[in-house]
Amino acid sequence: MPVLSTLAERMGMEGVGAQLIEDSPLFGAKKRRSEPGRIPMSRSASLSHVYSHAGDPLAVLQLDDAPAPEFIMPFANGRVTSLFNDGRRHPAIDLGGKLGSPVLATTSSQKIVFAGPRGGYGNAVITVDEYGRTHLYGHLQRITSRVGQMLEQGDQLGHLGSTGHSTGPHVHYEVTDPRGVHINPVTLLFAGRRVAKGYAWLDVRQESVGVRVAARSR
């Protein structure tokens, strides 16, 4: 059989045997061969939003089941300009940023008890959270929330400004416990971190992209 002889020369006898078995009608339809480069892949819903405010899609992997931090920064792209009682009576932390930036609730279940002009604080929003802590956001350019409103973490309450006694755009963030004793906001916003003036962040979840920059005081 000249055809088989030619095949045998090209493929060897084992190759001929395999080809004959594959092509034989006694063994059913010819197998469909897999296409190279097309590997089946599954998609995970838990990775549906992979993002970063810094523009790097690999910088932050936000998983659906990842626990949210108790506190987030009140706005993105800022730096620490003044610390808690740092050389003077200042029972708060000052966070400098871009004028007009959205200012967000730092933690969940904050009920607004005051919203409006408040002396040296300028335009301010004061809230009380579910643990009885009072939060004051001062020097706002504009207030976009109202008294009685319940804010969840990340809800916008106003825009960053420089109203009242202020030398530049920033948020004065002040927290007191249920007894009225001031809490150092560094222990809430930067839990477990050593923070100095000039500490900067890009994302409201500052632990993912926090960097240090040269300190500049007001």
C-alpha atoms as a PDB file:
ATOM      1  CA  MET A   1       0.000   0.000   0.000  1.00  0.00           C
ATOM      2  CA  PRO A   2       1.945   3.016  -1.261  1.00  0.00           C
ATOM      3  CA  VAL A   3      -0.048   5.491   0.840  1.00  0.00           C
ATOM      4  CA  LEU A   4       0.697   3.596   4.060  1.00  0.00           C
ATOM      5  CA  SER A   5       4.296   3.223   3.069  1.00  0.00           C
ATOM      6  CA  THR A   6       4.583   6.969   2.586  1.00  0.00           C
ATOM      7  CA  LEU A   7       2.913   7.609   5.967  1.00  0.00           C
ATOM      8  CA  ALA A   8       5.169   5.101   7.631  1.00  0.00           C
ATOM      9  CA  GLU A   9       8.230   6.826   6.258  1.00  0.00           C
ATOM     10  CA  ARG A  10       7.024  10.227   7.455  1.00  0.00           C
ATOM     11  CA  MET A  11       5.499   9.342  10.821  1.00  0.00           C
ATOM     12  CA  GLY A  12       6.954   6.004  11.872  1.00  0.00           C
ATOM     13  CA  MET A  13       4.812   2.946  12.540  1.00  0.00           C
ATOM     14  CA  GLU A  14       3.580   4.117  15.953  1.00  0.00           C
ATOM     15  CA  GLY A  15       2.409   7.396  14.456  1.00  0.00           C
ATOM     16  CA  VAL A  16       0.597   5.586  11.658  1.00  0.00           C
ATOM     17  CA  GLY A  17      -1.178   3.349  14.147  1.00  0.00           C
ATOM     18  CA  ALA A  18      -2.377   6.278  16.201  1.00  0.00           C
ATOM     19  CA  GLN A  19      -3.551   8.173  13.123  1.00  0.00           C
ATOM     20  CA  LEU A  20      -5.458   5.166  11.781  1.00  0.00           C
ATOM     21  CA  ILE A  21      -7.208   4.616  15.137  1.00  0.00           C
ATOM     22  CA  GLU A  22      -8.168   8.287  15.376  1.00  0.00           C
ATOM     23  CA  ASP A  23      -9.493   8.420  11.796  1.00  0.00           C
ATOM     24  CA  SER A  24     -11.289   5.072  11.901  1.00  0.00           C
ATOM     25  CA  PRO A  25     -15.145   5.218  11.908  1.00  0.00           C
ATOM     26  CA  LEU A  26     -15.099   2.310  14.365  1.00  0.00           C
ATOM     27  CA  PHE A  27     -13.883   4.668  17.073  1.00  0.00           C
ATOM     28  CA  GLY A  28     -16.499   7.350  16.631  1.00  0.00           C
ATOM     29  CA  ALA A  29     -16.183  10.924  15.445  1.00  0.00           C
ATOM     30  CA  LYS A  30     -12.781  12.486  15.148  1.00  0.00           C
ATOM     31  CA  LYS A  31     -11.658  14.233  18.335  1.00  0.00           C
ATOM     32  CA  ARG A  32     -11.663  18.027  18.437  1.00  0.00           C
ATOM     33  CA  ARG A  33      -8.190  19.214  19.237  1.00  0.00           C
ATOM     34  CA  SER A  34      -7.690  21.990  21.741  1.00  0.00           C
ATOM     35  CA  GLU A  35      -6.762  25.354  20.332  1.00  0.00           C
ATOM     36  CA  PRO A  36      -3.417  26.589  21.579  1.00  0.00           C
ATOM     37  CA  GLY A  37      -3.488  29.737  23.695  1.00  0.00           C
ATOM     38  CA  ARG A  38      -7.148  29.433  24.698  1.00  0.00           C
ATOM     39  CA  ILE A  39      -7.119  28.231  28.288  1.00  0.00           C
ATOM     40  CA  PRO A  40     -10.503  28.334  30.066  1.00  0.00           C
ATOM     41  CA  MET A  41     -10.519  30.930  32.849  1.00  0.00           C
ATOM     42  CA  SER A  42     -12.942  31.557  35.670  1.00  0.00           C
ATOM     43  CA  ARG A  43     -13.810  35.037  36.926  1.00  0.00           C
ATOM     44  CA  SER A  44     -14.128  35.725  40.631  1.00  0.00           C
ATOM     45  CA  ALA A  45     -16.855  38.157  41.683  1.00  0.00           C
ATOM     46  CA  SER A  46     -14.797  39.039  44.732  1.00  0.00           C
ATOM     47  CA  LEU A  47     -12.211  40.688  42.483  1.00  0.00           C
ATOM     48  CA  SER A  48     -14.780  42.689  40.557  1.00  0.00           C
ATOM     49  CA  HIS A  49     -13.409  46.056  41.649  1.00  0.00           C
ATOM     50  CA  VAL A  50      -9.658  46.273  41.458  1.00  0.00           C
ATOM     51  CA  TYR A  51      -8.773  49.928  41.563  1.00  0.00           C
ATOM     52  CA  SER A  52      -6.550  52.673  42.926  1.00  0.00           C
ATOM     53  CA  HIS A  53      -7.116  56.400  43.184  1.00  0.00           C
ATOM     54  CA  ALA A  54      -3.424  56.742  42.427  1.00  0.00           C
ATOM     55  CA  GLY A  55      -4.032  55.255  38.967  1.00  0.00           C
ATOM     56  CA  ASP A  56      -2.191  51.951  39.497  1.00  0.00           C
ATOM     57  CA  PRO A  57      -4.650  49.050  39.040  1.00  0.00           C
ATOM     58  CA  LEU A  58      -2.367  46.783  41.070  1.00  0.00           C
ATOM     59  CA  ALA A  59      -1.842  49.187  43.953  1.00  0.00           C
ATOM     60  CA  VAL A  60      -5.043  48.262  45.791  1.00  0.00           C
ATOM     61  CA  LEU A  61      -6.967  44.998  45.670  1.00  0.00           C
ATOM     62  CA  GLN A  62     -10.283  45.700  47.346  1.00  0.00           C
ATOM     63  CA  LEU A  63     -12.003  42.418  48.085  1.00  0.00           C
ATOM     64  CA  ASP A  64     -15.722  42.207  48.749  1.00  0.00           C
ATOM     65  CA  ASP A  65     -15.102  40.316  51.986  1.00  0.00           C
ATOM     66  CA  ALA A  66     -12.229  42.518  53.183  1.00  0.00           C
ATOM     67  CA  PRO A  67     -13.193  44.266  56.424  1.00  0.00           C
ATOM     68  CA  ALA A  68     -13.536  48.021  56.094  1.00  0.00           C
ATOM     69  CA  PRO A  69     -11.233  50.036  58.352  1.00  0.00           C
ATOM     70  CA  GLU A  70     -12.985  51.643  61.328  1.00  0.00           C
ATOM     71  CA  PHE A  71     -11.655  55.040  60.228  1.00  0.00           C
ATOM     72  CA  ILE A  72     -10.809  56.470  56.823  1.00  0.00           C
ATOM     73  CA  MET A  73      -9.259  59.831  55.972  1.00  0.00           C
ATOM     74  CA  PRO A  74     -11.803  62.651  55.530  1.00  0.00           C
ATOM     75  CA  PHE A  75     -10.555  63.353  51.997  1.00  0.00           C
ATOM     76  CA  ALA A  76      -8.049  62.090  49.436  1.00  0.00           C
ATOM     77  CA  ASN A  77      -4.705  63.617  48.458  1.00  0.00           C
ATOM     78  CA  GLY A  78      -3.694  65.442  51.623  1.00  0.00           C
ATOM     79  CA  ARG A  79      -0.990  65.827  54.232  1.00  0.00           C
ATOM     80  CA  VAL A  80      -0.743  66.395  57.966  1.00  0.00           C
ATOM     81  CA  THR A  81      -0.035  70.059  58.699  1.00  0.00           C
ATOM     82  CA  SER A  82      -0.546  70.241  62.469  1.00  0.00           C
ATOM     83  CA  LEU A  83      -0.651  67.578  65.178  1.00  0.00           C
ATOM     84  CA  PHE A  84      -2.542  67.137  68.435  1.00  0.00           C
ATOM     85  CA  ASN A  85      -1.319  69.652  71.071  1.00  0.00           C
ATOM     86  CA  ASP A  86       2.000  69.974  69.246  1.00  0.00           C
ATOM     87  CA  GLY A  87       3.725  72.834  71.074  1.00  0.00           C
ATOM     88  CA  ARG A  88       0.435  74.649  71.734  1.00  0.00           C
ATOM     89  CA  ARG A  89      -3.103  73.900  72.793  1.00  0.00           C
ATOM     90  CA  HIS A  90      -4.550  72.301  69.698  1.00  0.00           C
ATOM     91  CA  PRO A  91      -6.809  69.353  70.640  1.00  0.00           C
ATOM     92  CA  ALA A  92      -7.202  68.261  67.031  1.00  0.00           C
ATOM     93  CA  ILE A  93      -5.296  67.417  63.877  1.00  0.00           C
ATOM     94  CA  ASP A  94      -5.079  69.675  60.805  1.00  0.00           C
ATOM     95  CA  LEU A  95      -5.144  68.001  57.410  1.00  0.00           C
ATOM     96  CA  GLY A  96      -4.187  70.149  54.422  1.00  0.00           C
ATOM     97  CA  GLY A  97      -5.604  69.505  50.971  1.00  0.00           C
ATOM     98  CA  LYS A  98      -6.951  70.929  47.747  1.00  0.00           C
ATOM     99  CA  LEU A  99      -9.590  73.647  48.097  1.00  0.00           C
ATOM    100  CA  GLY A 100     -13.035  72.257  47.308  1.00  0.00           C
ATOM    101  CA  SER A 101     -12.151  68.583  47.817  1.00  0.00           C
ATOM    102  CA  PRO A 102     -15.094  66.460  49.048  1.00  0.00           C
ATOM    103  CA  VAL A 103     -14.945  65.938  52.818  1.00  0.00           C
ATOM    104  CA  LEU A 104     -16.225  62.555  53.989  1.00  0.00           C
ATOM    105  CA  ALA A 105     -17.418  60.987  57.225  1.00  0.00           C
ATOM    106  CA  THR A 106     -14.467  59.153  58.741  1.00  0.00           C
ATOM    107  CA  THR A 107     -16.434  56.340  60.353  1.00  0.00           C
ATOM    108  CA  SER A 108     -19.933  54.873  60.330  1.00  0.00           C
ATOM    109  CA  SER A 109     -23.213  55.920  61.960  1.00  0.00           C
ATOM    110  CA  GLN A 110     -22.446  59.592  62.546  1.00  0.00           C
ATOM    111  CA  LYS A 111     -25.526  61.709  63.236  1.00  0.00           C
ATOM    112  CA  ILE A 112     -25.139  65.400  62.446  1.00  0.00           C
ATOM    113  CA  VAL A 113     -25.949  67.600  65.455  1.00  0.00           C
ATOM    114  CA  PHE A 114     -24.589  70.888  64.085  1.00  0.00           C
ATOM    115  CA  ALA A 115     -23.945  72.260  60.594  1.00  0.00           C
ATOM    116  CA  GLY A 116     -23.098  75.907  59.979  1.00  0.00           C
ATOM    117  CA  PRO A 117     -20.739  78.786  60.902  1.00  0.00           C
ATOM    118  CA  ARG A 118     -19.013  78.250  64.275  1.00  0.00           C
ATOM    119  CA  GLY A 119     -16.672  81.121  65.157  1.00  0.00           C
ATOM    120  CA  GLY A 120     -13.009  80.395  64.565  1.00  0.00           C
ATOM    121  CA  TYR A 121     -13.864  76.975  63.165  1.00  0.00           C
ATOM    122  CA  GLY A 122     -15.529  78.641  60.179  1.00  0.00           C
ATOM    123  CA  ASN A 123     -18.115  76.460  58.494  1.00  0.00           C
ATOM    124  CA  ALA A 124     -18.256  73.319  60.608  1.00  0.00           C
ATOM    125  CA  VAL A 125     -20.093  70.028  60.834  1.00  0.00           C
ATOM    126  CA  ILE A 126     -20.372  68.274  64.209  1.00  0.00           C
ATOM    127  CA  THR A 127     -21.527  64.677  64.498  1.00  0.00           C
ATOM    128  CA  VAL A 128     -22.031  62.068  67.212  1.00  0.00           C
ATOM    129  CA  ASP A 129     -21.291  58.438  66.377  1.00  0.00           C
ATOM    130  CA  GLU A 130     -22.815  55.245  67.766  1.00  0.00           C
ATOM    131  CA  TYR A 131     -20.169  55.095  70.523  1.00  0.00           C
ATOM    132  CA  GLY A 132     -20.981  58.596  71.772  1.00  0.00           C
ATOM    133  CA  ARG A 133     -17.844  60.165  70.300  1.00  0.00           C
ATOM    134  CA  THR A 134     -18.207  63.698  68.919  1.00  0.00           C
ATOM    135  CA  HIS A 135     -16.495  64.577  65.627  1.00  0.00           C
ATOM    136  CA  LEU A 136     -15.907  68.154  64.459  1.00  0.00           C
ATOM    137  CA  TYR A 137     -14.939  68.956  60.846  1.00  0.00           C
ATOM    138  CA  GLY A 138     -13.898  72.612  60.661  1.00  0.00           C
ATOM    139  CA  HIS A 139     -12.965  75.316  58.107  1.00  0.00           C
ATOM    140  CA  LEU A 140     -15.206  73.876  55.384  1.00  0.00           C
ATOM    141  CA  GLN A 141     -15.667  75.857  52.195  1.00  0.00           C
ATOM    142  CA  ARG A 142     -19.241  74.688  51.898  1.00  0.00           C
ATOM    143  CA  ILE A 143     -21.532  72.358  53.857  1.00  0.00           C
ATOM    144  CA  THR A 144     -23.521  69.801  51.858  1.00  0.00           C
ATOM    145  CA  SER A 145     -25.225  68.003  54.777  1.00  0.00           C
ATOM    146  CA  ARG A 146     -27.864  68.958  57.351  1.00  0.00           C
ATOM    147  CA  VAL A 147     -28.654  68.562  61.029  1.00  0.00           C
ATOM    148  CA  GLY A 148     -30.334  65.240  61.785  1.00  0.00           C
ATOM    149  CA  GLN A 149     -28.796  63.469  58.826  1.00  0.00           C
ATOM    150  CA  MET A 150     -27.174  60.077  59.494  1.00  0.00           C
ATOM    151  CA  LEU A 151     -23.832  59.647  57.757  1.00  0.00           C
ATOM    152  CA  GLU A 152     -22.218  56.343  56.953  1.00  0.00           C
ATOM    153  CA  GLN A 153     -18.494  56.016  56.424  1.00  0.00           C
ATOM    154  CA  GLY A 154     -17.478  57.770  53.210  1.00  0.00           C
ATOM    155  CA  ASP A 155     -20.633  59.911  52.914  1.00  0.00           C
ATOM    156  CA  GLN A 156     -19.891  63.483  51.862  1.00  0.00           C
ATOM    157  CA  LEU A 157     -20.637  66.213  54.407  1.00  0.00           C
ATOM    158  CA  GLY A 158     -19.019  69.251  52.784  1.00  0.00           C
ATOM    159  CA  HIS A 159     -16.094  70.678  50.809  1.00  0.00           C
ATOM    160  CA  LEU A 160     -12.594  71.422  52.072  1.00  0.00           C
ATOM    161  CA  GLY A 161     -12.022  75.112  52.668  1.00  0.00           C
ATOM    162  CA  SER A 162     -10.260  77.829  54.635  1.00  0.00           C
ATOM    163  CA  THR A 163     -13.071  79.592  56.508  1.00  0.00           C
ATOM    164  CA  GLY A 164     -12.777  80.948  60.054  1.00  0.00           C
ATOM    165  CA  HIS A 165      -9.341  81.289  61.637  1.00  0.00           C
ATOM    166  CA  SER A 166      -7.342  79.543  58.933  1.00  0.00           C
ATOM    167  CA  THR A 167      -4.141  80.217  57.018  1.00  0.00           C
ATOM    168  CA  GLY A 168      -4.814  77.815  54.145  1.00  0.00           C
ATOM    169  CA  PRO A 169      -7.163  75.080  52.870  1.00  0.00           C
ATOM    170  CA  HIS A 170      -7.426  72.303  55.434  1.00  0.00           C
ATOM    171  CA  VAL A 171      -9.797  70.314  57.643  1.00  0.00           C
ATOM    172  CA  HIS A 172      -9.582  70.757  61.404  1.00  0.00           C
ATOM    173  CA  TYR A 173     -10.602  67.325  62.707  1.00  0.00           C
ATOM    174  CA  GLU A 174     -11.403  67.118  66.409  1.00  0.00           C
ATOM    175  CA  VAL A 175     -12.786  64.144  68.371  1.00  0.00           C
ATOM    176  CA  THR A 176     -14.025  63.872  71.968  1.00  0.00           C
ATOM    177  CA  ASP A 177     -15.212  60.847  73.909  1.00  0.00           C
ATOM    178  CA  PRO A 178     -18.660  60.627  75.601  1.00  0.00           C
ATOM    179  CA  ARG A 179     -17.259  62.416  78.690  1.00  0.00           C
ATOM    180  CA  GLY A 180     -16.024  65.330  76.587  1.00  0.00           C
ATOM    181  CA  VAL A 181     -12.347  64.366  76.824  1.00  0.00           C
ATOM    182  CA  HIS A 182     -10.378  65.025  73.640  1.00  0.00           C
ATOM    183  CA  ILE A 183      -8.999  62.017  71.761  1.00  0.00           C
ATOM    184  CA  ASN A 184      -5.851  62.359  69.658  1.00  0.00           C
ATOM    185  CA  PRO A 185      -7.179  61.779  66.112  1.00  0.00           C
ATOM    186  CA  VAL A 186      -3.819  60.301  65.089  1.00  0.00           C
ATOM    187  CA  THR A 187      -4.703  57.206  67.149  1.00  0.00           C
ATOM    188  CA  LEU A 188      -7.892  56.834  65.103  1.00  0.00           C
ATOM    189  CA  LEU A 189      -6.844  57.812  61.587  1.00  0.00           C
ATOM    190  CA  PHE A 190      -3.333  56.338  61.726  1.00  0.00           C
ATOM    191  CA  ALA A 191      -3.713  53.491  64.214  1.00  0.00           C
ATOM    192  CA  GLY A 192      -0.366  51.872  64.955  1.00  0.00           C
ATOM    193  CA  ARG A 193       1.632  54.371  62.872  1.00  0.00           C
ATOM    194  CA  ARG A 194       4.172  57.012  63.776  1.00  0.00           C
ATOM    195  CA  VAL A 195       3.029  60.178  62.062  1.00  0.00           C
ATOM    196  CA  ALA A 196       4.783  63.540  61.812  1.00  0.00           C
ATOM    197  CA  LYS A 197       3.887  66.805  60.128  1.00  0.00           C
ATOM    198  CA  GLY A 198       4.243  66.344  56.414  1.00  0.00           C
ATOM    199  CA  TYR A 199       2.878  62.796  56.363  1.00  0.00           C
ATOM    200  CA  ALA A 200       0.904  62.518  53.123  1.00  0.00           C
ATOM    201  CA  TRP A 201      -1.652  60.132  51.649  1.00  0.00           C
ATOM    202  CA  LEU A 202      -3.372  59.685  48.291  1.00  0.00           C
ATOM    203  CA  ASP A 203      -6.382  57.496  49.018  1.00  0.00           C
ATOM    204  CA  VAL A 204      -8.937  57.871  51.825  1.00  0.00           C
ATOM    205  CA  ARG A 205      -7.875  54.380  52.854  1.00  0.00           C
ATOM    206  CA  GLN A 206      -4.483  55.876  53.588  1.00  0.00           C
ATOM    207  CA  GLU A 207      -2.843  52.671  54.775  1.00  0.00           C
ATOM    208  CA  SER A 208      -2.557  51.462  51.170  1.00  0.00           C
ATOM    209  CA  VAL A 209      -0.629  54.364  49.715  1.00  0.00           C
ATOM    210  CA  GLY A 210       0.644  56.459  52.627  1.00  0.00           C
ATOM    211  CA  VAL A 211       4.027  58.065  52.004  1.00  0.00           C
ATOM    212  CA  ARG A 212       6.187  60.539  53.882  1.00  0.00           C
ATOM    213  CA  VAL A 213       7.027  63.920  52.453  1.00  0.00           C
ATOM    214  CA  ALA A 214       9.078  66.868  53.667  1.00  0.00           C
ATOM    215  CA  ALA A 215       7.312  68.524  56.575  1.00  0.00           C
ATOM    216  CA  ARG A 216       5.826  71.942  56.000  1.00  0.00           C
ATOM    217  CA  SER A 217       4.058  73.727  58.826  1.00  0.00           C
ATOM    218  CA  ARG A 218       1.531  76.509  58.559  1.00  0.00           C
END
